[in-house]
Amino acid sequence: MKKIGISTWQLQEKYGDFKALEIAKSIGADAVDFAMANKRFDYRVEGSLYNKSDEEIIKYFSELKAYADELGIFVCQTHGHDCGFKNKKEEDDALVENIRLNLLATAALGAPVCVIHNATSLHMGANPDPELMHSLSYDLFTRTLPYAKQYNVKLATETFGDAYKNIDFFGDIDEFMKAYNAIKQIDDLKDYFTTCVDTGHSNKAAVLFGQPKPADVIRRIGSDIAVLHLNDNDGIYDQHKMPKSGNIDWKDVLKALDEVGYDGVYNMELKLNHFSEDLLIETAEFSIKVLKEMLK
């Protein structure tokens, strides 16, 4: 039976990390995508958990894992810091340390994969220099993947969409695969590098810029897909709505996942406050019911 996951970032923000696990279990999720891309997990922010020692960080996340085990739910993936390299030494160096801590926490949670974002046109401008973008990408992953290897987890790069009314540089599937394959040529790191398909991002790239539709992105990446950010939109805005509430062809998406032999968690990354801040739980619960019905 296919497992269903839910990204808990808004539940964590409103109810706390431990309660978010309880809620996810109570509404029918098999797994969670645990969020770390915020100030609570940023070593530069006073009072952050990441200000503490590695031992204290491991203790906190190990306790979370034990509680998840007690509930009967597991952390299928985490979402680490998502700003990407900016070609600014101080900020890029800080990102490397935060990703190291993301990976340390991922291991303590017992999760196999941490998702982070590549360099992006959001920070580098609408028409960035291709050589610079690939250099930043290579630098980002070759500096962080040794930590994935050290902690025995995988790091996933995520498919992109648009930025500044232009395609995000790595929203172009050819550029995405070129950057990905460059890292996969490194023998001692390639086994720790993988991909996350964000269906909403890929849908925007398809609708706005003629890129392959989400199902064909899945076919293009194939067995290198380790985790998912399933969400829907109208092809114009990054709405992170539940499946079947936008214009993505979900029948084809699920068919493509079967074709490439995907056997991981069908995880949804949704904006749970789409209807109301007071309906986070109800929105998540209904979304899980919808996806379960789709997967029958």
C-alpha atoms as a PDB file:
ATOM      1  CA  MET A   1       0.000   0.000   0.000  1.00  0.00           C
ATOM      2  CA  LYS A   2       1.284   3.450  -0.911  1.00  0.00           C
ATOM      3  CA  LYS A   3       2.241   5.677   2.031  1.00  0.00           C
ATOM      4  CA  ILE A   4       0.993   9.257   2.308  1.00  0.00           C
ATOM      5  CA  GLY A   5       2.935  12.086   3.902  1.00  0.00           C
ATOM      6  CA  ILE A   6       2.233  15.710   4.778  1.00  0.00           C
ATOM      7  CA  SER A   7       4.645  18.591   5.158  1.00  0.00           C
ATOM      8  CA  THR A   8       4.196  19.952   8.675  1.00  0.00           C
ATOM      9  CA  TRP A   9       5.826  23.388   8.507  1.00  0.00           C
ATOM     10  CA  GLN A  10       2.671  25.391   9.272  1.00  0.00           C
ATOM     11  CA  LEU A  11       1.557  22.892  11.899  1.00  0.00           C
ATOM     12  CA  GLN A  12       4.979  23.169  13.538  1.00  0.00           C
ATOM     13  CA  GLU A  13       4.789  26.957  13.562  1.00  0.00           C
ATOM     14  CA  LYS A  14       1.327  27.052  15.138  1.00  0.00           C
ATOM     15  CA  TYR A  15       1.372  24.019  17.423  1.00  0.00           C
ATOM     16  CA  GLY A  16       5.031  23.132  17.957  1.00  0.00           C
ATOM     17  CA  ASP A  17       7.118  20.253  16.661  1.00  0.00           C
ATOM     18  CA  PHE A  18       5.809  17.500  18.937  1.00  0.00           C
ATOM     19  CA  LYS A  19       2.152  18.459  18.571  1.00  0.00           C
ATOM     20  CA  ALA A  20       2.545  18.617  14.783  1.00  0.00           C
ATOM     21  CA  LEU A  21       3.480  14.936  14.815  1.00  0.00           C
ATOM     22  CA  GLU A  22       0.386  14.129  16.881  1.00  0.00           C
ATOM     23  CA  ILE A  23      -1.846  16.030  14.492  1.00  0.00           C
ATOM     24  CA  ALA A  24      -0.353  14.365  11.424  1.00  0.00           C
ATOM     25  CA  LYS A  25      -0.972  10.940  12.910  1.00  0.00           C
ATOM     26  CA  SER A  26      -4.524  11.806  13.982  1.00  0.00           C
ATOM     27  CA  ILE A  27      -5.568  12.957  10.498  1.00  0.00           C
ATOM     28  CA  GLY A  28      -4.368   9.822   8.746  1.00  0.00           C
ATOM     29  CA  ALA A  29      -0.838  10.593   7.536  1.00  0.00           C
ATOM     30  CA  ASP A  30       1.654   7.736   7.440  1.00  0.00           C
ATOM     31  CA  ALA A  31       4.651  10.071   7.442  1.00  0.00           C
ATOM     32  CA  VAL A  32       5.712  13.689   7.716  1.00  0.00           C
ATOM     33  CA  ASP A  33       8.064  16.042   5.921  1.00  0.00           C
ATOM     34  CA  PHE A  34       9.639  17.960   8.802  1.00  0.00           C
ATOM     35  CA  ALA A  35      10.447  21.642   8.177  1.00  0.00           C
ATOM     36  CA  MET A  36      13.753  23.232   9.161  1.00  0.00           C
ATOM     37  CA  ALA A  37      13.868  26.248   6.827  1.00  0.00           C
ATOM     38  CA  ASN A  38      13.060  28.906   9.420  1.00  0.00           C
ATOM     39  CA  LYS A  39      14.631  31.064  12.110  1.00  0.00           C
ATOM     40  CA  ARG A  40      14.054  28.476  14.831  1.00  0.00           C
ATOM     41  CA  PHE A  41      16.657  26.396  13.022  1.00  0.00           C
ATOM     42  CA  ASP A  42      19.242  29.012  12.083  1.00  0.00           C
ATOM     43  CA  TYR A  43      22.516  29.150  14.018  1.00  0.00           C
ATOM     44  CA  ARG A  44      22.798  32.903  13.371  1.00  0.00           C
ATOM     45  CA  VAL A  45      19.575  33.669  15.279  1.00  0.00           C
ATOM     46  CA  GLU A  46      19.853  34.174  19.018  1.00  0.00           C
ATOM     47  CA  GLY A  47      17.855  31.563  20.895  1.00  0.00           C
ATOM     48  CA  SER A  48      17.720  29.158  17.943  1.00  0.00           C
ATOM     49  CA  LEU A  49      18.126  25.457  18.621  1.00  0.00           C
ATOM     50  CA  TYR A  50      21.024  25.579  16.171  1.00  0.00           C
ATOM     51  CA  ASN A  51      22.862  27.886  18.592  1.00  0.00           C
ATOM     52  CA  LYS A  52      23.329  24.842  20.798  1.00  0.00           C
ATOM     53  CA  SER A  53      25.942  22.096  20.608  1.00  0.00           C
ATOM     54  CA  ASP A  54      25.676  19.206  18.158  1.00  0.00           C
ATOM     55  CA  GLU A  55      24.966  16.922  21.114  1.00  0.00           C
ATOM     56  CA  GLU A  56      22.025  19.067  22.233  1.00  0.00           C
ATOM     57  CA  ILE A  57      20.661  19.217  18.693  1.00  0.00           C
ATOM     58  CA  ILE A  58      20.916  15.444  18.349  1.00  0.00           C
ATOM     59  CA  LYS A  59      19.155  15.010  21.700  1.00  0.00           C
ATOM     60  CA  TYR A  60      16.215  17.213  20.659  1.00  0.00           C
ATOM     61  CA  PHE A  61      15.664  15.497  17.331  1.00  0.00           C
ATOM     62  CA  SER A  62      16.216  12.036  18.790  1.00  0.00           C
ATOM     63  CA  GLU A  63      13.434  12.777  21.270  1.00  0.00           C
ATOM     64  CA  LEU A  64      11.214  13.847  18.378  1.00  0.00           C
ATOM     65  CA  LYS A  65      11.995  10.587  16.585  1.00  0.00           C
ATOM     66  CA  ALA A  66      11.197   8.560  19.702  1.00  0.00           C
ATOM     67  CA  TYR A  67       7.863  10.361  19.988  1.00  0.00           C
ATOM     68  CA  ALA A  68       7.102   9.740  16.312  1.00  0.00           C
ATOM     69  CA  ASP A  69       7.907   6.057  16.817  1.00  0.00           C
ATOM     70  CA  GLU A  70       5.578   5.975  19.800  1.00  0.00           C
ATOM     71  CA  LEU A  71       2.797   7.516  17.718  1.00  0.00           C
ATOM     72  CA  GLY A  72       3.404   5.141  14.824  1.00  0.00           C
ATOM     73  CA  ILE A  73       4.395   7.767  12.275  1.00  0.00           C
ATOM     74  CA  PHE A  74       7.776   8.364  10.653  1.00  0.00           C
ATOM     75  CA  VAL A  75       9.702  11.274   9.205  1.00  0.00           C
ATOM     76  CA  CYS A  76      10.064  10.421   5.524  1.00  0.00           C
ATOM     77  CA  GLN A  77      12.056  13.543   4.655  1.00  0.00           C
ATOM     78  CA  THR A  78      13.041  16.958   5.929  1.00  0.00           C
ATOM     79  CA  HIS A  79      13.115  20.362   4.260  1.00  0.00           C
ATOM     80  CA  GLY A  80      16.314  22.216   4.974  1.00  0.00           C
ATOM     81  CA  HIS A  81      17.266  25.808   4.294  1.00  0.00           C
ATOM     82  CA  ASP A  82      16.035  26.987   0.936  1.00  0.00           C
ATOM     83  CA  CYS A  83      17.771  30.228  -0.016  1.00  0.00           C
ATOM     84  CA  GLY A  84      20.503  28.697  -2.204  1.00  0.00           C
ATOM     85  CA  PHE A  85      23.916  30.194  -2.777  1.00  0.00           C
ATOM     86  CA  LYS A  86      23.890  33.917  -3.595  1.00  0.00           C
ATOM     87  CA  ASN A  87      27.540  34.447  -4.528  1.00  0.00           C
ATOM     88  CA  LYS A  88      27.973  36.309  -1.236  1.00  0.00           C
ATOM     89  CA  LYS A  89      30.685  34.636   0.822  1.00  0.00           C
ATOM     90  CA  GLU A  90      29.349  35.371   4.304  1.00  0.00           C
ATOM     91  CA  GLU A  91      25.802  34.278   3.471  1.00  0.00           C
ATOM     92  CA  ASP A  92      26.927  31.234   1.493  1.00  0.00           C
ATOM     93  CA  ASP A  93      29.242  30.109   4.293  1.00  0.00           C
ATOM     94  CA  ALA A  94      26.375  30.502   6.772  1.00  0.00           C
ATOM     95  CA  LEU A  95      24.118  28.415   4.537  1.00  0.00           C
ATOM     96  CA  VAL A  96      26.672  25.604   4.475  1.00  0.00           C
ATOM     97  CA  GLU A  97      26.691  25.473   8.291  1.00  0.00           C
ATOM     98  CA  ASN A  98      22.899  25.567   8.491  1.00  0.00           C
ATOM     99  CA  ILE A  99      22.645  22.751   5.954  1.00  0.00           C
ATOM    100  CA  ARG A 100      25.200  20.765   7.949  1.00  0.00           C
ATOM    101  CA  LEU A 101      22.939  21.110  10.962  1.00  0.00           C
ATOM    102  CA  ASN A 102      19.896  20.248   8.844  1.00  0.00           C
ATOM    103  CA  LEU A 103      21.622  17.028   7.820  1.00  0.00           C
ATOM    104  CA  LEU A 104      22.672  16.272  11.400  1.00  0.00           C
ATOM    105  CA  ALA A 105      19.056  16.740  12.513  1.00  0.00           C
ATOM    106  CA  THR A 106      17.776  14.663   9.591  1.00  0.00           C
ATOM    107  CA  ALA A 107      19.923  11.755  10.710  1.00  0.00           C
ATOM    108  CA  ALA A 108      18.755  12.099  14.324  1.00  0.00           C
ATOM    109  CA  LEU A 109      15.135  12.037  13.120  1.00  0.00           C
ATOM    110  CA  GLY A 110      15.797   8.810  11.239  1.00  0.00           C
ATOM    111  CA  ALA A 111      14.797  10.461   7.969  1.00  0.00           C
ATOM    112  CA  PRO A 112      16.612   9.301   4.840  1.00  0.00           C
ATOM    113  CA  VAL A 113      16.546  12.557   2.831  1.00  0.00           C
ATOM    114  CA  CYS A 114      16.883  16.312   3.369  1.00  0.00           C
ATOM    115  CA  VAL A 115      15.609  18.610   0.606  1.00  0.00           C
ATOM    116  CA  ILE A 116      17.348  21.912  -0.082  1.00  0.00           C
ATOM    117  CA  HIS A 117      17.060  24.469  -2.896  1.00  0.00           C
ATOM    118  CA  ASN A 118      19.693  25.191  -5.486  1.00  0.00           C
ATOM    119  CA  ALA A 119      20.908  28.657  -6.430  1.00  0.00           C
ATOM    120  CA  THR A 120      17.973  30.625  -7.797  1.00  0.00           C
ATOM    121  CA  SER A 121      17.123  33.527 -10.061  1.00  0.00           C
ATOM    122  CA  LEU A 122      15.171  34.951  -7.116  1.00  0.00           C
ATOM    123  CA  HIS A 123      18.526  36.054  -5.731  1.00  0.00           C
ATOM    124  CA  MET A 124      20.712  36.159  -8.829  1.00  0.00           C
ATOM    125  CA  GLY A 125      18.426  38.162 -11.131  1.00  0.00           C
ATOM    126  CA  ALA A 126      16.139  37.375 -14.036  1.00  0.00           C
ATOM    127  CA  ASN A 127      18.870  36.500 -16.552  1.00  0.00           C
ATOM    128  CA  PRO A 128      21.823  35.194 -14.552  1.00  0.00           C
ATOM    129  CA  ASP A 129      25.051  34.112 -16.136  1.00  0.00           C
ATOM    130  CA  PRO A 130      24.728  30.349 -16.842  1.00  0.00           C
ATOM    131  CA  GLU A 131      28.357  29.649 -15.974  1.00  0.00           C
ATOM    132  CA  LEU A 132      27.956  31.411 -12.633  1.00  0.00           C
ATOM    133  CA  MET A 133      24.755  29.515 -11.819  1.00  0.00           C
ATOM    134  CA  HIS A 134      26.344  26.153 -12.505  1.00  0.00           C
ATOM    135  CA  SER A 135      29.422  27.161 -10.537  1.00  0.00           C
ATOM    136  CA  LEU A 136      27.271  28.155  -7.549  1.00  0.00           C
ATOM    137  CA  SER A 137      25.307  24.925  -7.802  1.00  0.00           C
ATOM    138  CA  TYR A 138      28.451  22.810  -7.935  1.00  0.00           C
ATOM    139  CA  ASP A 139      29.971  24.702  -5.026  1.00  0.00           C
ATOM    140  CA  LEU A 140      26.821  24.407  -2.909  1.00  0.00           C
ATOM    141  CA  PHE A 141      26.496  20.673  -3.279  1.00  0.00           C
ATOM    142  CA  THR A 142      30.172  19.741  -3.158  1.00  0.00           C
ATOM    143  CA  ARG A 143      30.479  21.665   0.112  1.00  0.00           C
ATOM    144  CA  THR A 144      27.395  20.135   1.738  1.00  0.00           C
ATOM    145  CA  LEU A 145      27.303  16.573   0.432  1.00  0.00           C
ATOM    146  CA  PRO A 146      30.342  15.512   2.506  1.00  0.00           C
ATOM    147  CA  TYR A 147      28.154  16.138   5.562  1.00  0.00           C
ATOM    148  CA  ALA A 148      25.385  13.982   4.070  1.00  0.00           C
ATOM    149  CA  LYS A 149      27.983  11.249   3.658  1.00  0.00           C
ATOM    150  CA  GLN A 150      29.256  11.781   7.211  1.00  0.00           C
ATOM    151  CA  TYR A 151      25.755  11.500   8.692  1.00  0.00           C
ATOM    152  CA  ASN A 152      24.631   8.772   6.250  1.00  0.00           C
ATOM    153  CA  VAL A 153      21.649  10.609   4.794  1.00  0.00           C
ATOM    154  CA  LYS A 154      20.867  11.897   1.312  1.00  0.00           C
ATOM    155  CA  LEU A 155      20.547  15.455   0.111  1.00  0.00           C
ATOM    156  CA  ALA A 156      17.891  16.160  -2.533  1.00  0.00           C
ATOM    157  CA  THR A 157      17.786  19.055  -4.982  1.00  0.00           C
ATOM    158  CA  GLU A 158      14.283  20.263  -5.851  1.00  0.00           C
ATOM    159  CA  THR A 159      12.717  21.091  -9.205  1.00  0.00           C
ATOM    160  CA  PHE A 160      12.054  24.809  -9.710  1.00  0.00           C
ATOM    161  CA  GLY A 161       9.551  26.956 -11.576  1.00  0.00           C
ATOM    162  CA  ASP A 162       9.694  30.696 -12.192  1.00  0.00           C
ATOM    163  CA  ALA A 163      11.243  33.830 -10.724  1.00  0.00           C
ATOM    164  CA  TYR A 164      10.713  37.495 -11.574  1.00  0.00           C
ATOM    165  CA  LYS A 165       8.213  36.593 -14.334  1.00  0.00           C
ATOM    166  CA  ASN A 166      10.955  34.585 -16.027  1.00  0.00           C
ATOM    167  CA  ILE A 167      11.811  30.940 -15.730  1.00  0.00           C
ATOM    168  CA  ASP A 168      14.001  30.251 -12.723  1.00  0.00           C
ATOM    169  CA  PHE A 169      17.398  29.233 -14.068  1.00  0.00           C
ATOM    170  CA  PHE A 170      17.111  25.686 -12.710  1.00  0.00           C
ATOM    171  CA  GLY A 171      13.410  25.618 -13.594  1.00  0.00           C
ATOM    172  CA  ASP A 172      14.696  24.762 -17.047  1.00  0.00           C
ATOM    173  CA  ILE A 173      14.805  20.969 -16.880  1.00  0.00           C
ATOM    174  CA  ASP A 174      17.907  20.832 -19.110  1.00  0.00           C
ATOM    175  CA  GLU A 175      19.822  23.127 -16.749  1.00  0.00           C
ATOM    176  CA  PHE A 176      18.465  21.217 -13.741  1.00  0.00           C
ATOM    177  CA  MET A 177      19.651  17.880 -15.111  1.00  0.00           C
ATOM    178  CA  LYS A 178      23.015  19.328 -16.194  1.00  0.00           C
ATOM    179  CA  ALA A 179      23.664  20.557 -12.639  1.00  0.00           C
ATOM    180  CA  TYR A 180      22.416  17.305 -11.132  1.00  0.00           C
ATOM    181  CA  ASN A 181      24.502  15.109 -13.419  1.00  0.00           C
ATOM    182  CA  ALA A 182      27.640  17.146 -12.714  1.00  0.00           C
ATOM    183  CA  ILE A 183      27.435  16.101  -9.063  1.00  0.00           C
ATOM    184  CA  LYS A 184      26.519  12.513  -9.931  1.00  0.00           C
ATOM    185  CA  GLN A 185      29.921  12.210 -11.631  1.00  0.00           C
ATOM    186  CA  ILE A 186      31.695  12.543  -8.268  1.00  0.00           C
ATOM    187  CA  ASP A 187      32.264   8.981  -7.122  1.00  0.00           C
ATOM    188  CA  ASP A 188      32.489   9.565  -3.381  1.00  0.00           C
ATOM    189  CA  LEU A 189      29.419  11.864  -3.254  1.00  0.00           C
ATOM    190  CA  LYS A 190      27.010  10.579  -5.919  1.00  0.00           C
ATOM    191  CA  ASP A 191      25.333   8.009  -3.677  1.00  0.00           C
ATOM    192  CA  TYR A 192      24.260  10.784  -1.287  1.00  0.00           C
ATOM    193  CA  PHE A 193      22.678  13.049  -3.922  1.00  0.00           C
ATOM    194  CA  THR A 194      19.136  12.674  -5.226  1.00  0.00           C
ATOM    195  CA  THR A 195      16.079  14.650  -6.355  1.00  0.00           C
ATOM    196  CA  CYS A 196      12.742  15.936  -5.101  1.00  0.00           C
ATOM    197  CA  VAL A 197      10.032  16.662  -7.672  1.00  0.00           C
ATOM    198  CA  ASP A 198       7.834  19.601  -6.724  1.00  0.00           C
ATOM    199  CA  THR A 199       4.818  19.212  -9.004  1.00  0.00           C
ATOM    200  CA  GLY A 200       3.645  22.783  -8.457  1.00  0.00           C
ATOM    201  CA  HIS A 201       6.993  24.296  -9.419  1.00  0.00           C
ATOM    202  CA  SER A 202       7.211  22.093 -12.500  1.00  0.00           C
ATOM    203  CA  ASN A 203       3.635  22.975 -13.468  1.00  0.00           C
ATOM    204  CA  LYS A 204       4.445  26.692 -13.469  1.00  0.00           C
ATOM    205  CA  ALA A 205       7.526  26.091 -15.607  1.00  0.00           C
ATOM    206  CA  ALA A 206       5.352  24.111 -18.019  1.00  0.00           C
ATOM    207  CA  VAL A 207       2.417  26.522 -18.229  1.00  0.00           C
ATOM    208  CA  LEU A 208       4.383  29.757 -18.300  1.00  0.00           C
ATOM    209  CA  PHE A 209       7.525  28.745 -20.191  1.00  0.00           C
ATOM    210  CA  GLY A 210       6.780  25.613 -22.201  1.00  0.00           C
ATOM    211  CA  GLN A 211       8.811  23.266 -20.053  1.00  0.00           C
ATOM    212  CA  PRO A 212       7.751  19.609 -19.691  1.00  0.00           C
ATOM    213  CA  LYS A 213       4.594  19.063 -17.676  1.00  0.00           C
ATOM    214  CA  PRO A 214       5.028  17.544 -14.192  1.00  0.00           C
ATOM    215  CA  ALA A 215       4.403  13.968 -15.352  1.00  0.00           C
ATOM    216  CA  ASP A 216       7.074  14.311 -18.033  1.00  0.00           C
ATOM    217  CA  VAL A 217       9.516  15.848 -15.543  1.00  0.00           C
ATOM    218  CA  ILE A 218       9.012  12.688 -13.498  1.00  0.00           C
ATOM    219  CA  ARG A 219       9.696  10.565 -16.562  1.00  0.00           C
ATOM    220  CA  ARG A 220      12.803  12.621 -17.368  1.00  0.00           C
ATOM    221  CA  ILE A 221      14.319  12.274 -13.880  1.00  0.00           C
ATOM    222  CA  GLY A 222      13.147   8.688 -13.516  1.00  0.00           C
ATOM    223  CA  SER A 223      14.515   6.444 -10.799  1.00  0.00           C
ATOM    224  CA  ASP A 224      16.607   9.298  -9.372  1.00  0.00           C
ATOM    225  CA  ILE A 225      13.469  10.656  -7.677  1.00  0.00           C
ATOM    226  CA  ALA A 226      13.692   9.918  -3.953  1.00  0.00           C
ATOM    227  CA  VAL A 227      11.026  12.206  -2.478  1.00  0.00           C
ATOM    228  CA  LEU A 228       8.067  14.315  -3.546  1.00  0.00           C
ATOM    229  CA  HIS A 229       6.449  17.685  -2.932  1.00  0.00           C
ATOM    230  CA  LEU A 230       3.001  17.011  -4.355  1.00  0.00           C
ATOM    231  CA  ASN A 231       0.892  20.153  -4.732  1.00  0.00           C
ATOM    232  CA  ASP A 232      -1.341  21.811  -7.300  1.00  0.00           C
ATOM    233  CA  ASN A 233      -1.768  25.289  -8.760  1.00  0.00           C
ATOM    234  CA  ASP A 234      -3.251  27.216 -11.672  1.00  0.00           C
ATOM    235  CA  GLY A 235       0.053  27.320 -13.528  1.00  0.00           C
ATOM    236  CA  ILE A 236       0.472  31.014 -12.764  1.00  0.00           C
ATOM    237  CA  TYR A 237       0.947  31.262  -8.995  1.00  0.00           C
ATOM    238  CA  ASP A 238       2.820  28.952  -6.604  1.00  0.00           C
ATOM    239  CA  GLN A 239      -0.309  28.176  -4.600  1.00  0.00           C
ATOM    240  CA  HIS A 240       0.681  24.833  -3.033  1.00  0.00           C
ATOM    241  CA  LYS A 241      -2.929  23.657  -3.129  1.00  0.00           C
ATOM    242  CA  MET A 242      -4.048  20.085  -2.603  1.00  0.00           C
ATOM    243  CA  PRO A 243      -4.099  17.773  -5.628  1.00  0.00           C
ATOM    244  CA  LYS A 244      -7.084  18.111  -7.984  1.00  0.00           C
ATOM    245  CA  SER A 245      -7.676  21.768  -7.046  1.00  0.00           C
ATOM    246  CA  GLY A 246      -5.565  23.221  -9.880  1.00  0.00           C
ATOM    247  CA  ASN A 247      -4.838  22.233 -13.474  1.00  0.00           C
ATOM    248  CA  ILE A 248      -2.205  19.500 -13.088  1.00  0.00           C
ATOM    249  CA  ASP A 249      -3.038  16.218 -14.825  1.00  0.00           C
ATOM    250  CA  TRP A 250      -2.877  14.010 -11.748  1.00  0.00           C
ATOM    251  CA  LYS A 251      -3.820  10.833 -13.563  1.00  0.00           C
ATOM    252  CA  ASP A 252      -0.706  11.261 -15.700  1.00  0.00           C
ATOM    253  CA  VAL A 253       1.456  12.222 -12.686  1.00  0.00           C
ATOM    254  CA  LEU A 254       0.528   9.045 -10.822  1.00  0.00           C
ATOM    255  CA  LYS A 255       0.980   6.998 -13.982  1.00  0.00           C
ATOM    256  CA  ALA A 256       4.455   8.477 -14.469  1.00  0.00           C
ATOM    257  CA  LEU A 257       5.426   7.686 -10.877  1.00  0.00           C
ATOM    258  CA  ASP A 258       4.396   4.082 -11.457  1.00  0.00           C
ATOM    259  CA  GLU A 259       6.310   3.990 -14.736  1.00  0.00           C
ATOM    260  CA  VAL A 260       9.580   5.075 -13.120  1.00  0.00           C
ATOM    261  CA  GLY A 261       9.112   2.642 -10.237  1.00  0.00           C
ATOM    262  CA  TYR A 262       8.693   5.235  -7.506  1.00  0.00           C
ATOM    263  CA  ASP A 263       8.184   3.407  -4.215  1.00  0.00           C
ATOM    264  CA  GLY A 264       8.594   6.220  -1.688  1.00  0.00           C
ATOM    265  CA  VAL A 265       6.097   8.267   0.284  1.00  0.00           C
ATOM    266  CA  TYR A 266       3.498  10.297  -1.619  1.00  0.00           C
ATOM    267  CA  ASN A 267       4.221  13.458   0.318  1.00  0.00           C
ATOM    268  CA  MET A 268       2.212  16.667  -0.067  1.00  0.00           C
ATOM    269  CA  GLU A 269       3.730  20.094   0.542  1.00  0.00           C
ATOM    270  CA  LEU A 270       0.697  22.358   0.945  1.00  0.00           C
ATOM    271  CA  LYS A 271      -0.183  25.839   2.127  1.00  0.00           C
ATOM    272  CA  LEU A 272      -2.582  24.666   4.787  1.00  0.00           C
ATOM    273  CA  ASN A 273      -3.873  28.180   5.427  1.00  0.00           C
ATOM    274  CA  HIS A 274      -5.228  28.443   1.894  1.00  0.00           C
ATOM    275  CA  PHE A 275      -8.777  28.704   3.258  1.00  0.00           C
ATOM    276  CA  SER A 276      -8.089  30.024   6.753  1.00  0.00           C
ATOM    277  CA  GLU A 277      -5.427  30.034   9.450  1.00  0.00           C
ATOM    278  CA  ASP A 278      -8.028  28.337  11.657  1.00  0.00           C
ATOM    279  CA  LEU A 279      -8.473  25.461   9.189  1.00  0.00           C
ATOM    280  CA  LEU A 280      -4.930  24.119   8.989  1.00  0.00           C
ATOM    281  CA  ILE A 281      -5.819  20.740  10.434  1.00  0.00           C
ATOM    282  CA  GLU A 282      -9.066  20.366   8.508  1.00  0.00           C
ATOM    283  CA  THR A 283      -7.349  21.287   5.228  1.00  0.00           C
ATOM    284  CA  ALA A 284      -4.556  18.788   5.846  1.00  0.00           C
ATOM    285  CA  GLU A 285      -7.023  16.057   6.795  1.00  0.00           C
ATOM    286  CA  PHE A 286      -9.192  16.559   3.720  1.00  0.00           C
ATOM    287  CA  SER A 287      -6.121  16.657   1.470  1.00  0.00           C
ATOM    288  CA  ILE A 288      -4.995  13.298   2.846  1.00  0.00           C
ATOM    289  CA  LYS A 289      -8.454  11.848   2.182  1.00  0.00           C
ATOM    290  CA  VAL A 290      -8.365  13.152  -1.397  1.00  0.00           C
ATOM    291  CA  LEU A 291      -4.917  11.687  -2.082  1.00  0.00           C
ATOM    292  CA  LYS A 292      -5.883   8.335  -0.565  1.00  0.00           C
ATOM    293  CA  GLU A 293      -8.855   8.224  -2.899  1.00  0.00           C
ATOM    294  CA  MET A 294      -6.633   9.097  -5.878  1.00  0.00           C
ATOM    295  CA  LEU A 295      -4.204   6.292  -5.017  1.00  0.00           C
ATOM    296  CA  LYS A 296      -6.820   3.542  -4.785  1.00  0.00           C
END
